[in-house]
Amino acid sequence: MLRFGYPDSLIREYEHWVVLLRPAQVTLGSLILAAKGDATAFGQLPPGAHAELATVTKDLEATLLTGLGYEKINYLMLMMVDPHVHFHVLPRYSGSKSFNGLDFSDAGWPGQPDLKSAIELTPEDNEQLRNRISQTWLIEN
């Protein structure tokens, strides 16, 4: 979680999971959904983490749909650089989206997401986007 800016990137915390703003925005609203603990394989998670995942994904999808209006959503479990269980959550858009004067286009649409097209936000933009998503989460869920 530290690799993804925790605790500064924290949007929402659950018993077994944390939702973080992804430092590099592949698409507007890109998140990290990370399991708490040291599990390095999905099957190593405790049963409660698997059960809670249904609630977390429901909340996450509702928040991003309300706040950013995605068209599709991708969950990528890559775990190559950071071996702990986590997903890269990428809202997908057929057109570009704007936030704070920045334009975000989904370079891989309608195919696979292009992770190399990610935009590094300034600390100020990062905080504002994290706050926007957090506030939507609190209102909607």
N, C-alpha and C. Protein backbone atom coordinates (compact mmCIF):
# COMPACT_ATOMS: atom_id res chain seq x y z
N MET A 1 0.82 -1.19 0.00
CA MET A 1 0.00 0.00 0.00
C MET A 1 0.87 1.26 0.00
N LEU A 2 2.04 1.17 0.62
CA LEU A 2 2.93 2.33 0.68
C LEU A 2 3.37 2.75 -0.71
N ARG A 3 3.57 1.79 -1.59
CA ARG A 3 4.00 2.09 -2.96
C ARG A 3 2.97 2.96 -3.68
N PHE A 4 1.72 2.87 -3.25
CA PHE A 4 0.64 3.63 -3.88
C PHE A 4 0.25 4.87 -3.07
N GLY A 5 1.15 5.32 -2.22
CA GLY A 5 0.95 6.59 -1.53
C GLY A 5 0.15 6.54 -0.25
N TYR A 6 -0.14 5.34 0.25
CA TYR A 6 -0.87 5.22 1.50
C TYR A 6 -0.05 5.83 2.63
N PRO A 7 -0.60 6.59 3.53
CA PRO A 7 -2.03 6.83 3.76
C PRO A 7 -2.57 8.07 3.05
N ASP A 8 -1.70 8.86 2.39
CA ASP A 8 -2.16 10.10 1.75
C ASP A 8 -3.14 9.86 0.62
N SER A 9 -3.07 8.70 -0.02
CA SER A 9 -3.95 8.40 -1.15
C SER A 9 -5.25 7.70 -0.75
N LEU A 10 -5.45 7.50 0.54
CA LEU A 10 -6.62 6.75 1.03
C LEU A 10 -7.93 7.47 0.70
N ILE A 11 -8.83 6.72 0.11
CA ILE A 11 -10.17 7.21 -0.18
C ILE A 11 -11.18 6.56 0.78
N ARG A 12 -11.05 5.26 0.98
CA ARG A 12 -12.00 4.55 1.84
C ARG A 12 -11.32 3.33 2.43
N GLU A 13 -11.63 3.02 3.67
CA GLU A 13 -11.05 1.85 4.34
C GLU A 13 -12.17 0.94 4.83
N TYR A 14 -11.97 -0.34 4.61
CA TYR A 14 -12.88 -1.39 5.06
C TYR A 14 -12.11 -2.31 5.99
N GLU A 15 -12.76 -3.31 6.50
CA GLU A 15 -12.08 -4.23 7.42
C GLU A 15 -10.90 -4.93 6.75
N HIS A 16 -11.10 -5.41 5.50
CA HIS A 16 -10.06 -6.19 4.82
C HIS A 16 -9.43 -5.48 3.63
N TRP A 17 -9.96 -4.34 3.23
CA TRP A 17 -9.53 -3.68 1.99
C TRP A 17 -9.35 -2.18 2.21
N VAL A 18 -8.51 -1.57 1.38
CA VAL A 18 -8.43 -0.12 1.29
C VAL A 18 -8.59 0.27 -0.17
N VAL A 19 -9.19 1.42 -0.40
CA VAL A 19 -9.33 1.99 -1.74
C VAL A 19 -8.46 3.23 -1.76
N LEU A 20 -7.52 3.27 -2.71
CA LEU A 20 -6.55 4.35 -2.82
C LEU A 20 -6.65 5.00 -4.19
N LEU A 21 -6.36 6.29 -4.26
CA LEU A 21 -6.24 6.94 -5.56
C LEU A 21 -4.93 6.48 -6.18
N ARG A 22 -4.98 6.00 -7.40
CA ARG A 22 -3.77 5.54 -8.08
C ARG A 22 -2.91 6.75 -8.40
N PRO A 23 -1.61 6.71 -8.02
CA PRO A 23 -0.74 7.87 -8.25
C PRO A 23 -0.65 8.29 -9.72
N ALA A 24 -0.61 7.31 -10.61
CA ALA A 24 -0.58 7.60 -12.05
C ALA A 24 -1.97 7.28 -12.60
N GLN A 25 -2.64 8.30 -13.12
CA GLN A 25 -4.01 8.16 -13.60
C GLN A 25 -4.02 7.67 -15.06
N VAL A 26 -4.29 6.38 -15.25
CA VAL A 26 -4.40 5.81 -16.60
C VAL A 26 -5.62 6.42 -17.27
N THR A 27 -6.71 6.45 -16.53
CA THR A 27 -7.93 7.14 -16.93
C THR A 27 -8.38 7.91 -15.69
N LEU A 28 -9.21 8.90 -15.89
CA LEU A 28 -9.67 9.71 -14.77
C LEU A 28 -10.39 8.84 -13.74
N GLY A 29 -9.92 8.89 -12.50
CA GLY A 29 -10.51 8.11 -11.43
C GLY A 29 -9.88 6.75 -11.21
N SER A 30 -8.70 6.53 -11.77
CA SER A 30 -8.01 5.25 -11.57
C SER A 30 -7.69 5.05 -10.10
N LEU A 31 -8.00 3.86 -9.60
CA LEU A 31 -7.84 3.55 -8.18
C LEU A 31 -7.01 2.30 -7.98
N ILE A 32 -6.60 2.09 -6.74
CA ILE A 32 -6.00 0.83 -6.30
C ILE A 32 -6.92 0.27 -5.23
N LEU A 33 -7.28 -0.98 -5.38
CA LEU A 33 -8.06 -1.70 -4.39
C LEU A 33 -7.11 -2.74 -3.79
N ALA A 34 -6.64 -2.50 -2.57
CA ALA A 34 -5.60 -3.33 -1.97
C ALA A 34 -6.11 -4.06 -0.75
N ALA A 35 -5.74 -5.33 -0.67
CA ALA A 35 -6.07 -6.12 0.51
C ALA A 35 -5.11 -5.74 1.64
N LYS A 36 -5.65 -5.66 2.83
CA LYS A 36 -4.80 -5.44 3.99
C LYS A 36 -4.09 -6.75 4.31
N GLY A 37 -2.90 -6.66 4.82
CA GLY A 37 -2.17 -7.86 5.20
C GLY A 37 -1.07 -8.18 4.21
N ASP A 38 -0.48 -9.35 4.38
CA ASP A 38 0.71 -9.73 3.61
C ASP A 38 0.45 -10.79 2.56
N ALA A 39 -0.79 -11.10 2.23
CA ALA A 39 -1.09 -12.13 1.24
C ALA A 39 -0.49 -11.76 -0.11
N THR A 40 0.14 -12.72 -0.76
CA THR A 40 0.73 -12.50 -2.08
C THR A 40 0.02 -13.33 -3.16
N ALA A 41 -1.07 -13.97 -2.78
CA ALA A 41 -1.90 -14.70 -3.74
C ALA A 41 -3.36 -14.49 -3.35
N PHE A 42 -4.22 -14.34 -4.33
CA PHE A 42 -5.63 -14.09 -4.08
C PHE A 42 -6.24 -15.17 -3.18
N GLY A 43 -5.85 -16.41 -3.41
CA GLY A 43 -6.36 -17.53 -2.64
C GLY A 43 -5.90 -17.55 -1.19
N GLN A 44 -4.91 -16.75 -0.85
CA GLN A 44 -4.42 -16.68 0.53
C GLN A 44 -5.26 -15.75 1.40
N LEU A 45 -6.12 -14.96 0.80
CA LEU A 45 -6.93 -14.04 1.59
C LEU A 45 -7.91 -14.81 2.48
N PRO A 46 -8.21 -14.27 3.66
CA PRO A 46 -9.18 -14.94 4.51
C PRO A 46 -10.58 -14.87 3.90
N PRO A 47 -11.46 -15.81 4.26
CA PRO A 47 -12.81 -15.82 3.70
C PRO A 47 -13.54 -14.49 3.85
N GLY A 48 -13.31 -13.79 4.95
CA GLY A 48 -13.97 -12.50 5.16
C GLY A 48 -13.59 -11.46 4.13
N ALA A 49 -12.35 -11.52 3.64
CA ALA A 49 -11.90 -10.57 2.62
C ALA A 49 -12.63 -10.83 1.30
N HIS A 50 -12.82 -12.09 0.97
CA HIS A 50 -13.54 -12.42 -0.26
C HIS A 50 -15.00 -11.99 -0.15
N ALA A 51 -15.61 -12.22 0.99
CA ALA A 51 -17.01 -11.83 1.19
C ALA A 51 -17.16 -10.32 1.13
N GLU A 52 -16.25 -9.60 1.77
CA GLU A 52 -16.33 -8.15 1.82
C GLU A 52 -16.08 -7.52 0.45
N LEU A 53 -15.39 -8.22 -0.42
CA LEU A 53 -15.08 -7.69 -1.75
C LEU A 53 -16.35 -7.33 -2.52
N ALA A 54 -17.42 -8.06 -2.30
CA ALA A 54 -18.69 -7.75 -2.98
C ALA A 54 -19.19 -6.37 -2.58
N THR A 55 -19.12 -6.05 -1.30
CA THR A 55 -19.55 -4.74 -0.82
C THR A 55 -18.64 -3.64 -1.34
N VAL A 56 -17.34 -3.88 -1.28
CA VAL A 56 -16.38 -2.87 -1.70
C VAL A 56 -16.55 -2.54 -3.18
N THR A 57 -16.66 -3.55 -4.02
CA THR A 57 -16.79 -3.28 -5.46
C THR A 57 -18.12 -2.61 -5.78
N LYS A 58 -19.17 -2.97 -5.07
CA LYS A 58 -20.47 -2.31 -5.29
C LYS A 58 -20.35 -0.83 -4.95
N ASP A 59 -19.75 -0.51 -3.79
CA ASP A 59 -19.57 0.88 -3.37
C ASP A 59 -18.68 1.64 -4.35
N LEU A 60 -17.58 1.02 -4.72
CA LEU A 60 -16.61 1.64 -5.63
C LEU A 60 -17.25 1.97 -6.97
N GLU A 61 -17.95 1.01 -7.55
CA GLU A 61 -18.57 1.23 -8.86
C GLU A 61 -19.66 2.30 -8.79
N ALA A 62 -20.45 2.28 -7.74
CA ALA A 62 -21.50 3.30 -7.59
C ALA A 62 -20.88 4.69 -7.47
N THR A 63 -19.81 4.79 -6.71
CA THR A 63 -19.14 6.08 -6.52
C THR A 63 -18.56 6.61 -7.82
N LEU A 64 -17.83 5.77 -8.55
CA LEU A 64 -17.21 6.23 -9.80
C LEU A 64 -18.26 6.53 -10.87
N LEU A 65 -19.33 5.77 -10.89
CA LEU A 65 -20.39 6.03 -11.87
C LEU A 65 -21.06 7.37 -11.57
N THR A 66 -21.39 7.61 -10.32
CA THR A 66 -22.03 8.87 -9.93
C THR A 66 -21.09 10.05 -10.12
N GLY A 67 -19.85 9.90 -9.65
CA GLY A 67 -18.91 11.01 -9.65
C GLY A 67 -18.25 11.30 -10.97
N LEU A 68 -18.03 10.25 -11.79
CA LEU A 68 -17.26 10.45 -13.02
C LEU A 68 -17.94 9.92 -14.28
N GLY A 69 -18.98 9.13 -14.14
CA GLY A 69 -19.74 8.66 -15.29
C GLY A 69 -18.98 7.75 -16.23
N TYR A 70 -18.28 6.75 -15.70
CA TYR A 70 -17.55 5.82 -16.56
C TYR A 70 -18.53 5.00 -17.41
N GLU A 71 -18.01 4.42 -18.49
CA GLU A 71 -18.82 3.57 -19.35
C GLU A 71 -18.58 2.09 -19.10
N LYS A 72 -17.37 1.74 -18.79
CA LYS A 72 -16.96 0.38 -18.45
C LYS A 72 -15.99 0.50 -17.30
N ILE A 73 -15.69 -0.61 -16.66
CA ILE A 73 -14.68 -0.58 -15.60
C ILE A 73 -13.85 -1.86 -15.69
N ASN A 74 -12.54 -1.72 -15.53
CA ASN A 74 -11.62 -2.85 -15.58
C ASN A 74 -10.94 -2.99 -14.23
N TYR A 75 -10.82 -4.24 -13.79
CA TYR A 75 -10.06 -4.59 -12.59
C TYR A 75 -8.87 -5.43 -13.05
N LEU A 76 -7.68 -4.91 -12.85
CA LEU A 76 -6.48 -5.64 -13.25
C LEU A 76 -5.72 -6.06 -12.01
N MET A 77 -5.50 -7.36 -11.85
CA MET A 77 -4.72 -7.88 -10.74
C MET A 77 -3.36 -8.27 -11.32
N LEU A 78 -2.41 -7.37 -11.25
CA LEU A 78 -1.13 -7.58 -11.91
C LEU A 78 -0.07 -8.12 -10.95
N MET A 79 0.14 -7.52 -9.81
CA MET A 79 1.02 -7.97 -8.74
C MET A 79 2.42 -8.39 -9.22
N MET A 80 2.98 -7.64 -10.15
CA MET A 80 4.32 -7.95 -10.63
C MET A 80 5.38 -7.13 -9.89
N VAL A 81 5.13 -5.87 -9.68
CA VAL A 81 6.08 -5.01 -8.97
C VAL A 81 5.79 -5.07 -7.47
N ASP A 82 4.55 -4.89 -7.09
CA ASP A 82 4.13 -5.02 -5.70
C ASP A 82 3.44 -6.38 -5.59
N PRO A 83 4.03 -7.32 -4.86
CA PRO A 83 3.50 -8.69 -4.84
C PRO A 83 2.25 -8.89 -3.98
N HIS A 84 1.88 -7.90 -3.18
CA HIS A 84 0.71 -8.07 -2.32
C HIS A 84 -0.59 -7.93 -3.12
N VAL A 85 -1.62 -8.60 -2.65
CA VAL A 85 -2.89 -8.66 -3.38
C VAL A 85 -3.48 -7.27 -3.55
N HIS A 86 -3.64 -6.89 -4.81
CA HIS A 86 -4.27 -5.61 -5.12
C HIS A 86 -4.77 -5.62 -6.56
N PHE A 87 -5.73 -4.76 -6.81
CA PHE A 87 -6.27 -4.55 -8.15
C PHE A 87 -6.00 -3.11 -8.57
N HIS A 88 -5.73 -2.92 -9.84
CA HIS A 88 -5.75 -1.60 -10.45
C HIS A 88 -7.16 -1.46 -11.02
N VAL A 89 -7.89 -0.47 -10.56
CA VAL A 89 -9.28 -0.26 -10.97
C VAL A 89 -9.28 0.91 -11.94
N LEU A 90 -9.67 0.63 -13.18
CA LEU A 90 -9.61 1.64 -14.22
C LEU A 90 -10.99 1.88 -14.82
N PRO A 91 -11.58 3.05 -14.51
CA PRO A 91 -12.82 3.42 -15.20
C PRO A 91 -12.49 3.67 -16.67
N ARG A 92 -13.38 3.27 -17.56
CA ARG A 92 -13.10 3.39 -18.98
C ARG A 92 -14.10 4.33 -19.64
N TYR A 93 -13.60 5.10 -20.61
CA TYR A 93 -14.39 6.14 -21.28
C TYR A 93 -14.13 6.10 -22.79
N SER A 94 -15.18 6.24 -23.58
CA SER A 94 -15.00 6.28 -25.04
C SER A 94 -14.46 7.63 -25.50
N GLY A 95 -14.66 8.67 -24.72
CA GLY A 95 -14.16 10.00 -25.04
C GLY A 95 -13.26 10.50 -23.93
N SER A 96 -12.76 11.70 -24.09
CA SER A 96 -11.88 12.24 -23.06
C SER A 96 -12.71 12.86 -21.94
N LYS A 97 -12.09 12.92 -20.78
CA LYS A 97 -12.69 13.53 -19.58
C LYS A 97 -11.75 14.63 -19.12
N SER A 98 -12.30 15.66 -18.49
CA SER A 98 -11.50 16.76 -17.98
C SER A 98 -11.65 16.88 -16.48
N PHE A 99 -10.56 17.29 -15.85
CA PHE A 99 -10.56 17.55 -14.42
C PHE A 99 -9.48 18.59 -14.14
N ASN A 100 -9.86 19.69 -13.51
CA ASN A 100 -8.92 20.76 -13.15
C ASN A 100 -8.10 21.24 -14.36
N GLY A 101 -8.73 21.31 -15.50
CA GLY A 101 -8.04 21.80 -16.69
C GLY A 101 -7.17 20.76 -17.38
N LEU A 102 -7.14 19.54 -16.88
CA LEU A 102 -6.37 18.46 -17.51
C LEU A 102 -7.32 17.57 -18.31
N ASP A 103 -6.88 17.16 -19.49
CA ASP A 103 -7.67 16.24 -20.30
C ASP A 103 -7.12 14.83 -20.17
N PHE A 104 -8.00 13.89 -19.89
CA PHE A 104 -7.66 12.48 -19.76
C PHE A 104 -8.33 11.72 -20.88
N SER A 105 -7.56 11.09 -21.72
CA SER A 105 -8.16 10.26 -22.76
C SER A 105 -7.83 8.80 -22.46
N ASP A 106 -8.71 7.92 -22.84
CA ASP A 106 -8.54 6.49 -22.63
C ASP A 106 -7.86 5.94 -23.87
N ALA A 107 -6.52 5.93 -23.84
CA ALA A 107 -5.72 5.58 -25.03
C ALA A 107 -5.99 4.17 -25.53
N GLY A 108 -6.46 3.28 -24.70
CA GLY A 108 -6.70 1.91 -25.13
C GLY A 108 -8.12 1.61 -25.58
N TRP A 109 -9.02 2.56 -25.41
CA TRP A 109 -10.44 2.32 -25.72
C TRP A 109 -10.61 1.95 -27.17
N PRO A 110 -11.38 0.96 -27.52
CA PRO A 110 -12.20 0.08 -26.71
C PRO A 110 -11.49 -1.22 -26.31
N GLY A 111 -10.19 -1.28 -26.49
CA GLY A 111 -9.43 -2.48 -26.15
C GLY A 111 -8.84 -2.42 -24.74
N GLN A 112 -7.71 -3.06 -24.60
CA GLN A 112 -7.05 -3.10 -23.30
C GLN A 112 -6.57 -1.71 -22.89
N PRO A 113 -6.58 -1.43 -21.60
CA PRO A 113 -6.09 -0.12 -21.16
C PRO A 113 -4.59 0.02 -21.42
N ASP A 114 -4.17 1.22 -21.77
CA ASP A 114 -2.77 1.51 -22.03
C ASP A 114 -2.15 2.10 -20.76
N LEU A 115 -1.54 1.25 -19.96
CA LEU A 115 -0.99 1.68 -18.67
C LEU A 115 0.13 2.69 -18.83
N LYS A 116 0.81 2.68 -19.96
CA LYS A 116 1.93 3.60 -20.18
C LYS A 116 1.46 5.02 -20.49
N SER A 117 0.17 5.20 -20.72
CA SER A 117 -0.35 6.54 -21.03
C SER A 117 -0.76 7.30 -19.78
N ALA A 118 -0.46 6.76 -18.61
CA ALA A 118 -0.90 7.36 -17.35
C ALA A 118 -0.32 8.76 -17.16
N ILE A 119 -1.12 9.60 -16.53
CA ILE A 119 -0.74 10.98 -16.22
C ILE A 119 -0.42 11.08 -14.74
N GLU A 120 0.76 11.61 -14.44
CA GLU A 120 1.13 11.87 -13.05
C GLU A 120 0.55 13.23 -12.66
N LEU A 121 -0.27 13.23 -11.64
CA LEU A 121 -0.90 14.47 -11.19
C LEU A 121 0.04 15.24 -10.26
N THR A 122 -0.14 16.55 -10.22
CA THR A 122 0.56 17.34 -9.21
C THR A 122 -0.01 16.96 -7.85
N PRO A 123 0.73 17.22 -6.78
CA PRO A 123 0.16 16.93 -5.46
C PRO A 123 -1.18 17.62 -5.22
N GLU A 124 -1.33 18.83 -5.72
CA GLU A 124 -2.59 19.57 -5.54
C GLU A 124 -3.74 18.90 -6.31
N ASP A 125 -3.49 18.55 -7.58
CA ASP A 125 -4.53 17.88 -8.37
C ASP A 125 -4.87 16.52 -7.78
N ASN A 126 -3.84 15.83 -7.30
CA ASN A 126 -4.03 14.53 -6.68
C ASN A 126 -4.95 14.64 -5.47
N GLU A 127 -4.69 15.62 -4.62
CA GLU A 127 -5.51 15.83 -3.43
C GLU A 127 -6.94 16.21 -3.80
N GLN A 128 -7.10 17.07 -4.80
CA GLN A 128 -8.44 17.49 -5.19
C GLN A 128 -9.25 16.34 -5.78
N LEU A 129 -8.60 15.48 -6.58
CA LEU A 129 -9.31 14.34 -7.15
C LEU A 129 -9.66 13.33 -6.05
N ARG A 130 -8.73 13.09 -5.15
CA ARG A 130 -9.00 12.18 -4.03
C ARG A 130 -10.18 12.70 -3.19
N ASN A 131 -10.17 14.00 -2.93
CA ASN A 131 -11.27 14.60 -2.15
C ASN A 131 -12.60 14.49 -2.89
N ARG A 132 -12.58 14.73 -4.19
CA ARG A 132 -13.83 14.64 -4.97
C ARG A 132 -14.42 13.24 -4.90
N ILE A 133 -13.57 12.24 -5.08
CA ILE A 133 -14.05 10.85 -5.03
C ILE A 133 -14.50 10.50 -3.61
N SER A 134 -13.73 10.92 -2.61
CA SER A 134 -14.09 10.65 -1.21
C SER A 134 -15.43 11.26 -0.85
N GLN A 135 -15.66 12.50 -1.28
CA GLN A 135 -16.92 13.17 -0.96
C GLN A 135 -18.10 12.49 -1.63
N THR A 136 -17.91 12.05 -2.86
CA THR A 136 -18.98 11.31 -3.56
C THR A 136 -19.26 10.01 -2.83
N TRP A 137 -18.21 9.34 -2.37
CA TRP A 137 -18.36 8.08 -1.65
C TRP A 137 -19.19 8.27 -0.41
N LEU A 138 -18.90 9.32 0.34
CA LEU A 138 -19.62 9.56 1.59
C LEU A 138 -21.08 9.90 1.35
N ILE A 139 -21.35 10.56 0.25
CA ILE A 139 -22.73 10.96 -0.05
C ILE A 139 -23.54 9.75 -0.53
N GLU A 140 -22.93 8.99 -1.42
CA GLU A 140 -23.67 7.93 -2.09
C GLU A 140 -23.74 6.63 -1.29
N ASN A 141 -22.73 6.37 -0.47
CA ASN A 141 -22.65 5.02 0.13
C ASN A 141 -22.67 5.10 1.63
